[in-house]
């Protein structure tokens, strides 16, 4: 199917929803979903952003700016997954518990607005990754128009550029807890330390940066084309990371990788593909 064909299919899926709330992070996927959704449903769609310690502080304000640009009504709510021991224990099912809470809160908003559906921005490529949160989406009967229409990440970035959304080249910004290996507890202190470490790396010129947290040790991942630059800045990076609270600093010679804190889960679902929600 052509890109235009996929967009047409995406619009059909959204139109069939009649009215909806969108789980909106401000990333490229949910931004394109909000743009297409607003074009189709107008004032019968609302973007909802969850604010949590698991995401960098600036992401919420960025999401508000994108919502204004799109013209979609925007709401913010607080997410309290850190009060859930099933989340903070950091098992391989951590994302399920986070998504479950988010979907429960989204459903409360949906009911209050008397809207029909919850939309969320999973794309077709995401189905190849380890995403236990998909189970929570299915339980909430959330609709994933981008994935159902077969839109890939690269196609979604093309659409974002076409729609003149400033997120078209924005790197993925997954939950900060993803920097902590499974089995090691998630705490506010760790999340704040990770957020600060990555902010420093961004200010040093690394657009893509991950601070993989191993207690007093941190492993730095940057985009593959800038690993050599990170090595050149090793002394400065070490100095800053020491101030953040890390005693041992490593720069990964292979650069950024998906599931870097839990490599055994990278592309795990290629053997067992996860289904999307069904079109209403």
C-alpha atoms as a PDB file:
ATOM      1  CA  UNK A   1       0.000   0.000   0.000  1.00  0.00           C
ATOM      2  CA  UNK A   2       1.253   3.499  -0.825  1.00  0.00           C
ATOM      3  CA  UNK A   3       1.784   6.123   1.864  1.00  0.00           C
ATOM      4  CA  UNK A   4      -1.309   8.003   0.673  1.00  0.00           C
ATOM      5  CA  UNK A   5      -3.249   4.757   0.875  1.00  0.00           C
ATOM      6  CA  UNK A   6      -2.093   4.161   4.427  1.00  0.00           C
ATOM      7  CA  UNK A   7      -3.070   7.694   5.448  1.00  0.00           C
ATOM      8  CA  UNK A   8      -6.501   7.183   3.889  1.00  0.00           C
ATOM      9  CA  UNK A   9      -6.879   3.956   5.853  1.00  0.00           C
ATOM     10  CA  UNK A  10      -5.749   5.686   9.051  1.00  0.00           C
ATOM     11  CA  UNK A  11      -8.397   8.376   8.532  1.00  0.00           C
ATOM     12  CA  UNK A  12     -11.077   5.746   7.983  1.00  0.00           C
ATOM     13  CA  UNK A  13     -10.149   4.026  11.246  1.00  0.00           C
ATOM     14  CA  UNK A  14     -10.300   7.321  13.146  1.00  0.00           C
ATOM     15  CA  UNK A  15     -13.565   8.362  11.503  1.00  0.00           C
ATOM     16  CA  UNK A  16     -15.145   5.083  12.592  1.00  0.00           C
ATOM     17  CA  UNK A  17     -14.305   5.984  16.195  1.00  0.00           C
ATOM     18  CA  UNK A  18     -16.704   8.962  16.044  1.00  0.00           C
ATOM     19  CA  UNK A  19     -15.023  10.680  19.026  1.00  0.00           C
ATOM     20  CA  UNK A  20     -11.838   9.971  20.941  1.00  0.00           C
ATOM     21  CA  UNK A  21      -9.176  10.883  23.467  1.00  0.00           C
ATOM     22  CA  UNK A  22      -5.550  10.450  22.339  1.00  0.00           C
ATOM     23  CA  UNK A  23      -2.660   9.353  24.550  1.00  0.00           C
ATOM     24  CA  UNK A  24      -0.321  12.198  23.568  1.00  0.00           C
ATOM     25  CA  UNK A  25       3.355  12.241  24.574  1.00  0.00           C
ATOM     26  CA  UNK A  26       4.486  14.945  22.181  1.00  0.00           C
ATOM     27  CA  UNK A  27       6.604  12.469  20.224  1.00  0.00           C
ATOM     28  CA  UNK A  28       6.429  12.075  16.466  1.00  0.00           C
ATOM     29  CA  UNK A  29       3.953   9.172  16.466  1.00  0.00           C
ATOM     30  CA  UNK A  30       1.335  10.663  18.759  1.00  0.00           C
ATOM     31  CA  UNK A  31       1.798  14.105  17.168  1.00  0.00           C
ATOM     32  CA  UNK A  32       1.009  12.774  13.687  1.00  0.00           C
ATOM     33  CA  UNK A  33      -1.902  10.812  15.135  1.00  0.00           C
ATOM     34  CA  UNK A  34      -3.264  13.980  16.752  1.00  0.00           C
ATOM     35  CA  UNK A  35      -2.854  15.934  13.521  1.00  0.00           C
ATOM     36  CA  UNK A  36      -4.684  13.347  11.421  1.00  0.00           C
ATOM     37  CA  UNK A  37      -7.240  12.811  14.170  1.00  0.00           C
ATOM     38  CA  UNK A  38      -7.970  16.520  14.475  1.00  0.00           C
ATOM     39  CA  UNK A  39      -8.342  16.818  10.700  1.00  0.00           C
ATOM     40  CA  UNK A  40     -10.915  13.998  10.769  1.00  0.00           C
ATOM     41  CA  UNK A  41     -12.815  14.553  14.038  1.00  0.00           C
ATOM     42  CA  UNK A  42     -12.352  18.267  14.732  1.00  0.00           C
ATOM     43  CA  UNK A  43     -13.604  19.145  18.229  1.00  0.00           C
ATOM     44  CA  UNK A  44     -14.572  15.532  18.922  1.00  0.00           C
ATOM     45  CA  UNK A  45     -10.995  14.604  19.749  1.00  0.00           C
ATOM     46  CA  UNK A  46      -8.827  15.655  22.718  1.00  0.00           C
ATOM     47  CA  UNK A  47      -5.105  15.072  23.326  1.00  0.00           C
ATOM     48  CA  UNK A  48      -4.221  13.902  26.843  1.00  0.00           C
ATOM     49  CA  UNK A  49      -0.664  14.031  28.216  1.00  0.00           C
ATOM     50  CA  UNK A  50       0.384  12.101  31.317  1.00  0.00           C
ATOM     51  CA  UNK A  51       2.923  13.889  33.507  1.00  0.00           C
ATOM     52  CA  UNK A  52       5.279  11.653  35.461  1.00  0.00           C
ATOM     53  CA  UNK A  53       8.781  11.428  36.927  1.00  0.00           C
ATOM     54  CA  UNK A  54       9.426   8.698  34.376  1.00  0.00           C
ATOM     55  CA  UNK A  55       9.714  11.309  31.602  1.00  0.00           C
ATOM     56  CA  UNK A  56      12.036  14.331  31.344  1.00  0.00           C
ATOM     57  CA  UNK A  57      10.371  17.456  32.730  1.00  0.00           C
ATOM     58  CA  UNK A  58      10.477  19.366  29.447  1.00  0.00           C
ATOM     59  CA  UNK A  59       8.425  16.793  27.543  1.00  0.00           C
ATOM     60  CA  UNK A  60       5.073  17.951  28.952  1.00  0.00           C
ATOM     61  CA  UNK A  61       5.579  21.596  27.963  1.00  0.00           C
ATOM     62  CA  UNK A  62       6.800  20.485  24.538  1.00  0.00           C
ATOM     63  CA  UNK A  63       3.629  18.417  24.082  1.00  0.00           C
ATOM     64  CA  UNK A  64       1.533  21.493  24.893  1.00  0.00           C
ATOM     65  CA  UNK A  65       3.353  23.499  22.209  1.00  0.00           C
ATOM     66  CA  UNK A  66       2.715  20.802  19.593  1.00  0.00           C
ATOM     67  CA  UNK A  67      -0.949  20.561  20.566  1.00  0.00           C
ATOM     68  CA  UNK A  68      -1.323  24.321  20.096  1.00  0.00           C
ATOM     69  CA  UNK A  69       0.310  24.117  16.693  1.00  0.00           C
ATOM     70  CA  UNK A  70      -2.051  21.347  15.630  1.00  0.00           C
ATOM     71  CA  UNK A  71      -5.038  23.158  17.092  1.00  0.00           C
ATOM     72  CA  UNK A  72      -6.246  20.199  19.101  1.00  0.00           C
ATOM     73  CA  UNK A  73      -7.670  20.608  22.602  1.00  0.00           C
ATOM     74  CA  UNK A  74      -5.137  19.473  25.188  1.00  0.00           C
ATOM     75  CA  UNK A  75      -5.402  18.129  28.723  1.00  0.00           C
ATOM     76  CA  UNK A  76      -2.757  17.035  31.223  1.00  0.00           C
ATOM     77  CA  UNK A  77      -3.068  14.486  34.001  1.00  0.00           C
ATOM     78  CA  UNK A  78      -0.743  13.064  36.643  1.00  0.00           C
ATOM     79  CA  UNK A  79       0.459   9.488  36.354  1.00  0.00           C
ATOM     80  CA  UNK A  80       1.312   7.656  39.575  1.00  0.00           C
ATOM     81  CA  UNK A  81       2.970   4.448  38.424  1.00  0.00           C
ATOM     82  CA  UNK A  82       5.784   5.013  40.933  1.00  0.00           C
ATOM     83  CA  UNK A  83       3.323   4.241  43.721  1.00  0.00           C
ATOM     84  CA  UNK A  84       2.708   0.806  42.216  1.00  0.00           C
ATOM     85  CA  UNK A  85       5.162  -1.843  43.525  1.00  0.00           C
ATOM     86  CA  UNK A  86       4.485  -3.965  40.442  1.00  0.00           C
ATOM     87  CA  UNK A  87       5.991  -1.138  38.381  1.00  0.00           C
ATOM     88  CA  UNK A  88       8.850  -0.167  40.704  1.00  0.00           C
ATOM     89  CA  UNK A  89       9.991  -3.775  41.158  1.00  0.00           C
ATOM     90  CA  UNK A  90      10.977  -3.509  37.478  1.00  0.00           C
ATOM     91  CA  UNK A  91      10.090  -6.930  36.149  1.00  0.00           C
ATOM     92  CA  UNK A  92      10.078  -7.551  32.379  1.00  0.00           C
ATOM     93  CA  UNK A  93       6.335  -6.751  32.560  1.00  0.00           C
ATOM     94  CA  UNK A  94       6.980  -3.244  33.938  1.00  0.00           C
ATOM     95  CA  UNK A  95       5.567  -1.486  30.874  1.00  0.00           C
ATOM     96  CA  UNK A  96       2.300  -3.388  31.200  1.00  0.00           C
ATOM     97  CA  UNK A  97       1.648  -1.925  34.659  1.00  0.00           C
ATOM     98  CA  UNK A  98       2.499   1.595  33.476  1.00  0.00           C
ATOM     99  CA  UNK A  99       0.275   1.356  30.393  1.00  0.00           C
ATOM    100  CA  UNK A 100      -2.526  -0.185  32.455  1.00  0.00           C
ATOM    101  CA  UNK A 101      -2.624   2.828  34.768  1.00  0.00           C
ATOM    102  CA  UNK A 102      -2.446   5.231  31.824  1.00  0.00           C
ATOM    103  CA  UNK A 103      -5.311   3.476  30.057  1.00  0.00           C
ATOM    104  CA  UNK A 104      -7.421   3.546  33.243  1.00  0.00           C
ATOM    105  CA  UNK A 105      -6.902   7.301  33.534  1.00  0.00           C
ATOM    106  CA  UNK A 106      -7.538   7.814  29.818  1.00  0.00           C
ATOM    107  CA  UNK A 107     -10.758   5.848  30.163  1.00  0.00           C
ATOM    108  CA  UNK A 108     -11.869   8.120  33.016  1.00  0.00           C
ATOM    109  CA  UNK A 109     -11.306  11.148  30.772  1.00  0.00           C
ATOM    110  CA  UNK A 110     -13.102   9.464  27.891  1.00  0.00           C
ATOM    111  CA  UNK A 111     -16.141   8.755  30.057  1.00  0.00           C
ATOM    112  CA  UNK A 112     -16.200  12.295  31.473  1.00  0.00           C
ATOM    113  CA  UNK A 113     -16.192  13.734  27.936  1.00  0.00           C
ATOM    114  CA  UNK A 114     -18.690  11.097  26.759  1.00  0.00           C
ATOM    115  CA  UNK A 115     -16.350  10.146  23.925  1.00  0.00           C
ATOM    116  CA  UNK A 116     -16.313   6.728  22.287  1.00  0.00           C
ATOM    117  CA  UNK A 117     -12.685   5.592  21.996  1.00  0.00           C
ATOM    118  CA  UNK A 118      -9.103   5.822  23.234  1.00  0.00           C
ATOM    119  CA  UNK A 119      -6.477   6.280  20.507  1.00  0.00           C
ATOM    120  CA  UNK A 120      -2.744   5.671  20.941  1.00  0.00           C
ATOM    121  CA  UNK A 121       0.306   5.982  18.726  1.00  0.00           C
ATOM    122  CA  UNK A 122       1.814   2.519  18.314  1.00  0.00           C
ATOM    123  CA  UNK A 123       3.254   2.256  14.787  1.00  0.00           C
ATOM    124  CA  UNK A 124       3.806  -0.780  12.566  1.00  0.00           C
ATOM    125  CA  UNK A 125       7.527  -1.022  13.425  1.00  0.00           C
ATOM    126  CA  UNK A 126       6.768  -1.124  17.158  1.00  0.00           C
ATOM    127  CA  UNK A 127       5.205  -4.522  16.717  1.00  0.00           C
ATOM    128  CA  UNK A 128       8.695  -5.946  16.166  1.00  0.00           C
ATOM    129  CA  UNK A 129       9.898  -4.806  19.610  1.00  0.00           C
ATOM    130  CA  UNK A 130       9.317  -6.215  23.072  1.00  0.00           C
ATOM    131  CA  UNK A 131       6.260  -4.267  24.249  1.00  0.00           C
ATOM    132  CA  UNK A 132       4.323  -5.873  27.104  1.00  0.00           C
ATOM    133  CA  UNK A 133       2.264  -2.676  27.298  1.00  0.00           C
ATOM    134  CA  UNK A 134       0.355  -3.844  24.207  1.00  0.00           C
ATOM    135  CA  UNK A 135      -1.596  -6.179  26.483  1.00  0.00           C
ATOM    136  CA  UNK A 136      -2.881  -3.193  28.484  1.00  0.00           C
ATOM    137  CA  UNK A 137      -3.909  -1.443  25.263  1.00  0.00           C
ATOM    138  CA  UNK A 138      -5.919  -4.484  24.213  1.00  0.00           C
ATOM    139  CA  UNK A 139      -7.557  -4.748  27.644  1.00  0.00           C
ATOM    140  CA  UNK A 140      -8.621  -1.093  27.388  1.00  0.00           C
ATOM    141  CA  UNK A 141      -9.861  -1.659  23.813  1.00  0.00           C
ATOM    142  CA  UNK A 142      -7.637   1.215  22.701  1.00  0.00           C
ATOM    143  CA  UNK A 143      -7.340   1.789  18.955  1.00  0.00           C
ATOM    144  CA  UNK A 144      -3.921   2.046  17.261  1.00  0.00           C
ATOM    145  CA  UNK A 145      -4.681   3.701  13.887  1.00  0.00           C
ATOM    146  CA  UNK A 146      -1.056   4.120  12.788  1.00  0.00           C
ATOM    147  CA  UNK A 147      -0.208   0.466  13.326  1.00  0.00           C
ATOM    148  CA  UNK A 148      -3.483  -0.785  11.889  1.00  0.00           C
ATOM    149  CA  UNK A 149      -2.906   1.284   8.748  1.00  0.00           C
ATOM    150  CA  UNK A 150       0.615  -0.163   8.442  1.00  0.00           C
ATOM    151  CA  UNK A 151       2.417   3.156   8.921  1.00  0.00           C
ATOM    152  CA  UNK A 152       6.100   2.699   9.744  1.00  0.00           C
ATOM    153  CA  UNK A 153       8.306   5.052  11.743  1.00  0.00           C
ATOM    154  CA  UNK A 154      10.042   6.450   8.656  1.00  0.00           C
ATOM    155  CA  UNK A 155       6.684   7.078   6.968  1.00  0.00           C
ATOM    156  CA  UNK A 156       5.367   8.813  10.063  1.00  0.00           C
ATOM    157  CA  UNK A 157       8.419  11.087  10.104  1.00  0.00           C
ATOM    158  CA  UNK A 158       7.741  11.939   6.447  1.00  0.00           C
ATOM    159  CA  UNK A 159       4.178  12.840   7.347  1.00  0.00           C
ATOM    160  CA  UNK A 160       5.318  14.970  10.294  1.00  0.00           C
ATOM    161  CA  UNK A 161       7.592  16.909   7.937  1.00  0.00           C
ATOM    162  CA  UNK A 162       4.778  17.252   5.395  1.00  0.00           C
ATOM    163  CA  UNK A 163       2.472  18.574   8.137  1.00  0.00           C
ATOM    164  CA  UNK A 164       5.237  20.971   9.269  1.00  0.00           C
ATOM    165  CA  UNK A 165       5.395  19.526  12.743  1.00  0.00           C
ATOM    166  CA  UNK A 166       8.735  20.267  14.476  1.00  0.00           C
ATOM    167  CA  UNK A 167       8.859  16.707  15.821  1.00  0.00           C
ATOM    168  CA  UNK A 168       9.676  15.174  12.418  1.00  0.00           C
ATOM    169  CA  UNK A 169      13.315  14.581  13.427  1.00  0.00           C
ATOM    170  CA  UNK A 170      12.790  14.351  17.191  1.00  0.00           C
ATOM    171  CA  UNK A 171      14.557  11.301  18.641  1.00  0.00           C
ATOM    172  CA  UNK A 172      12.445   8.767  20.483  1.00  0.00           C
ATOM    173  CA  UNK A 173      12.050   9.610  24.167  1.00  0.00           C
ATOM    174  CA  UNK A 174      11.021   6.417  25.943  1.00  0.00           C
ATOM    175  CA  UNK A 175      10.308   6.159  29.644  1.00  0.00           C
ATOM    176  CA  UNK A 176      13.393   6.866  31.767  1.00  0.00           C
ATOM    177  CA  UNK A 177      12.806   3.593  33.611  1.00  0.00           C
ATOM    178  CA  UNK A 178      13.895   1.823  30.424  1.00  0.00           C
ATOM    179  CA  UNK A 179      17.477   2.812  31.325  1.00  0.00           C
ATOM    180  CA  UNK A 180      17.374   0.538  34.376  1.00  0.00           C
ATOM    181  CA  UNK A 181      17.980  -3.210  33.893  1.00  0.00           C
ATOM    182  CA  UNK A 182      15.070  -5.472  34.775  1.00  0.00           C
ATOM    183  CA  UNK A 183      15.220  -6.656  38.363  1.00  0.00           C
ATOM    184  CA  UNK A 184      16.808  -3.465  39.683  1.00  0.00           C
ATOM    185  CA  UNK A 185      14.182  -1.300  41.394  1.00  0.00           C
ATOM    186  CA  UNK A 186      12.934   1.922  39.847  1.00  0.00           C
ATOM    187  CA  UNK A 187      13.206   4.884  42.225  1.00  0.00           C
ATOM    188  CA  UNK A 188      12.644   8.616  41.935  1.00  0.00           C
ATOM    189  CA  UNK A 189      16.308   9.198  42.770  1.00  0.00           C
ATOM    190  CA  UNK A 190      17.479   6.982  39.895  1.00  0.00           C
ATOM    191  CA  UNK A 191      15.084   8.609  37.428  1.00  0.00           C
ATOM    192  CA  UNK A 192      16.210  12.104  38.401  1.00  0.00           C
ATOM    193  CA  UNK A 193      19.873  11.082  38.100  1.00  0.00           C
ATOM    194  CA  UNK A 194      19.276   9.543  34.654  1.00  0.00           C
ATOM    195  CA  UNK A 195      17.348  12.610  33.466  1.00  0.00           C
ATOM    196  CA  UNK A 196      20.137  14.938  34.584  1.00  0.00           C
ATOM    197  CA  UNK A 197      22.854  12.761  33.028  1.00  0.00           C
ATOM    198  CA  UNK A 198      21.059  12.718  29.676  1.00  0.00           C
ATOM    199  CA  UNK A 199      20.382  16.445  29.800  1.00  0.00           C
ATOM    200  CA  UNK A 200      24.135  16.991  30.204  1.00  0.00           C
ATOM    201  CA  UNK A 201      24.835  14.728  27.217  1.00  0.00           C
ATOM    202  CA  UNK A 202      22.323  16.631  25.100  1.00  0.00           C
ATOM    203  CA  UNK A 203      24.015  19.918  26.043  1.00  0.00           C
ATOM    204  CA  UNK A 204      27.343  18.403  24.987  1.00  0.00           C
ATOM    205  CA  UNK A 205      25.886  17.969  21.502  1.00  0.00           C
ATOM    206  CA  UNK A 206      24.552  14.407  21.531  1.00  0.00           C
ATOM    207  CA  UNK A 207      21.048  14.384  20.075  1.00  0.00           C
ATOM    208  CA  UNK A 208      20.548  10.724  20.977  1.00  0.00           C
ATOM    209  CA  UNK A 209      21.798   9.810  24.445  1.00  0.00           C
ATOM    210  CA  UNK A 210      21.053   7.090  26.980  1.00  0.00           C
ATOM    211  CA  UNK A 211      22.424   6.813  30.507  1.00  0.00           C
ATOM    212  CA  UNK A 212      22.038   3.136  31.396  1.00  0.00           C
ATOM    213  CA  UNK A 213      21.916   3.020  35.195  1.00  0.00           C
ATOM    214  CA  UNK A 214      23.682   0.216  37.089  1.00  0.00           C
ATOM    215  CA  UNK A 215      23.700   1.742  40.562  1.00  0.00           C
ATOM    216  CA  UNK A 216      26.997   3.558  40.986  1.00  0.00           C
ATOM    217  CA  UNK A 217      27.944   2.729  37.377  1.00  0.00           C
ATOM    218  CA  UNK A 218      26.553   4.320  34.222  1.00  0.00           C
ATOM    219  CA  UNK A 219      26.986   3.170  30.627  1.00  0.00           C
ATOM    220  CA  UNK A 220      26.669   5.962  28.095  1.00  0.00           C
ATOM    221  CA  UNK A 221      25.176   5.308  24.669  1.00  0.00           C
ATOM    222  CA  UNK A 222      25.156   7.992  21.961  1.00  0.00           C
ATOM    223  CA  UNK A 223      24.293   7.878  18.267  1.00  0.00           C
ATOM    224  CA  UNK A 224      26.691   5.613  16.410  1.00  0.00           C
ATOM    225  CA  UNK A 225      28.194   8.430  14.356  1.00  0.00           C
ATOM    226  CA  UNK A 226      29.233  10.310  17.493  1.00  0.00           C
ATOM    227  CA  UNK A 227      30.823   7.570  19.586  1.00  0.00           C
ATOM    228  CA  UNK A 228      34.294   8.807  18.666  1.00  0.00           C
ATOM    229  CA  UNK A 229      33.321  12.314  19.783  1.00  0.00           C
ATOM    230  CA  UNK A 230      32.101  10.930  23.109  1.00  0.00           C
ATOM    231  CA  UNK A 231      35.447   9.191  23.599  1.00  0.00           C
ATOM    232  CA  UNK A 232      37.220  12.500  22.912  1.00  0.00           C
ATOM    233  CA  UNK A 233      35.064  14.115  25.595  1.00  0.00           C
ATOM    234  CA  UNK A 234      35.550  11.253  28.033  1.00  0.00           C
ATOM    235  CA  UNK A 235      37.253  13.357  30.714  1.00  0.00           C
ATOM    236  CA  UNK A 236      34.529  16.005  30.621  1.00  0.00           C
ATOM    237  CA  UNK A 237      31.748  13.418  30.555  1.00  0.00           C
ATOM    238  CA  UNK A 238      33.357  11.587  33.485  1.00  0.00           C
ATOM    239  CA  UNK A 239      33.586  14.829  35.470  1.00  0.00           C
ATOM    240  CA  UNK A 240      29.925  15.638  34.901  1.00  0.00           C
ATOM    241  CA  UNK A 241      28.729  12.094  35.597  1.00  0.00           C
ATOM    242  CA  UNK A 242      30.675  12.059  38.863  1.00  0.00           C
ATOM    243  CA  UNK A 243      28.836  15.222  39.895  1.00  0.00           C
ATOM    244  CA  UNK A 244      25.516  13.589  39.027  1.00  0.00           C
ATOM    245  CA  UNK A 245      26.381  10.713  41.353  1.00  0.00           C
ATOM    246  CA  UNK A 246      27.968   7.991  39.230  1.00  0.00           C
ATOM    247  CA  UNK A 247      31.353   6.624  40.326  1.00  0.00           C
ATOM    248  CA  UNK A 248      32.110   4.484  37.270  1.00  0.00           C
ATOM    249  CA  UNK A 249      31.503   5.718  33.733  1.00  0.00           C
ATOM    250  CA  UNK A 250      31.617   3.661  30.548  1.00  0.00           C
ATOM    251  CA  UNK A 251      31.090   4.814  26.967  1.00  0.00           C
ATOM    252  CA  UNK A 252      29.564   2.035  24.895  1.00  0.00           C
ATOM    253  CA  UNK A 253      31.757   1.592  21.777  1.00  0.00           C
ATOM    254  CA  UNK A 254      28.766   0.274  19.821  1.00  0.00           C
ATOM    255  CA  UNK A 255      26.648   3.370  20.451  1.00  0.00           C
ATOM    256  CA  UNK A 256      22.914   3.567  20.982  1.00  0.00           C
ATOM    257  CA  UNK A 257      20.878   0.373  20.716  1.00  0.00           C
ATOM    258  CA  UNK A 258      17.243  -0.541  21.362  1.00  0.00           C
ATOM    259  CA  UNK A 259      16.727  -2.239  24.750  1.00  0.00           C
ATOM    260  CA  UNK A 260      20.279  -1.325  25.683  1.00  0.00           C
ATOM    261  CA  UNK A 261      19.651  -1.965  29.377  1.00  0.00           C
ATOM    262  CA  UNK A 262      18.036  -5.324  28.590  1.00  0.00           C
ATOM    263  CA  UNK A 263      19.637  -6.538  25.335  1.00  0.00           C
ATOM    264  CA  UNK A 264      18.182 -10.024  25.650  1.00  0.00           C
ATOM    265  CA  UNK A 265      14.734  -8.469  24.947  1.00  0.00           C
ATOM    266  CA  UNK A 266      15.752  -6.618  21.762  1.00  0.00           C
ATOM    267  CA  UNK A 267      13.546  -7.681  18.846  1.00  0.00           C
ATOM    268  CA  UNK A 268      12.151 -10.489  20.972  1.00  0.00           C
ATOM    269  CA  UNK A 269       8.745 -10.296  19.328  1.00  0.00           C
ATOM    270  CA  UNK A 270      10.032 -11.014  15.831  1.00  0.00           C
ATOM    271  CA  UNK A 271       9.394 -14.611  16.803  1.00  0.00           C
ATOM    272  CA  UNK A 272       6.040 -13.829  18.428  1.00  0.00           C
ATOM    273  CA  UNK A 273       4.440 -10.788  16.812  1.00  0.00           C
ATOM    274  CA  UNK A 274       2.035  -8.835  19.001  1.00  0.00           C
ATOM    275  CA  UNK A 275      -1.358  -7.931  17.512  1.00  0.00           C
ATOM    276  CA  UNK A 276      -2.800  -4.437  17.399  1.00  0.00           C
ATOM    277  CA  UNK A 277      -6.238  -3.498  18.586  1.00  0.00           C
ATOM    278  CA  UNK A 278      -9.130  -4.159  16.276  1.00  0.00           C
ATOM    279  CA  UNK A 279     -10.808  -1.431  14.293  1.00  0.00           C
ATOM    280  CA  UNK A 280     -14.104  -0.466  15.953  1.00  0.00           C
END
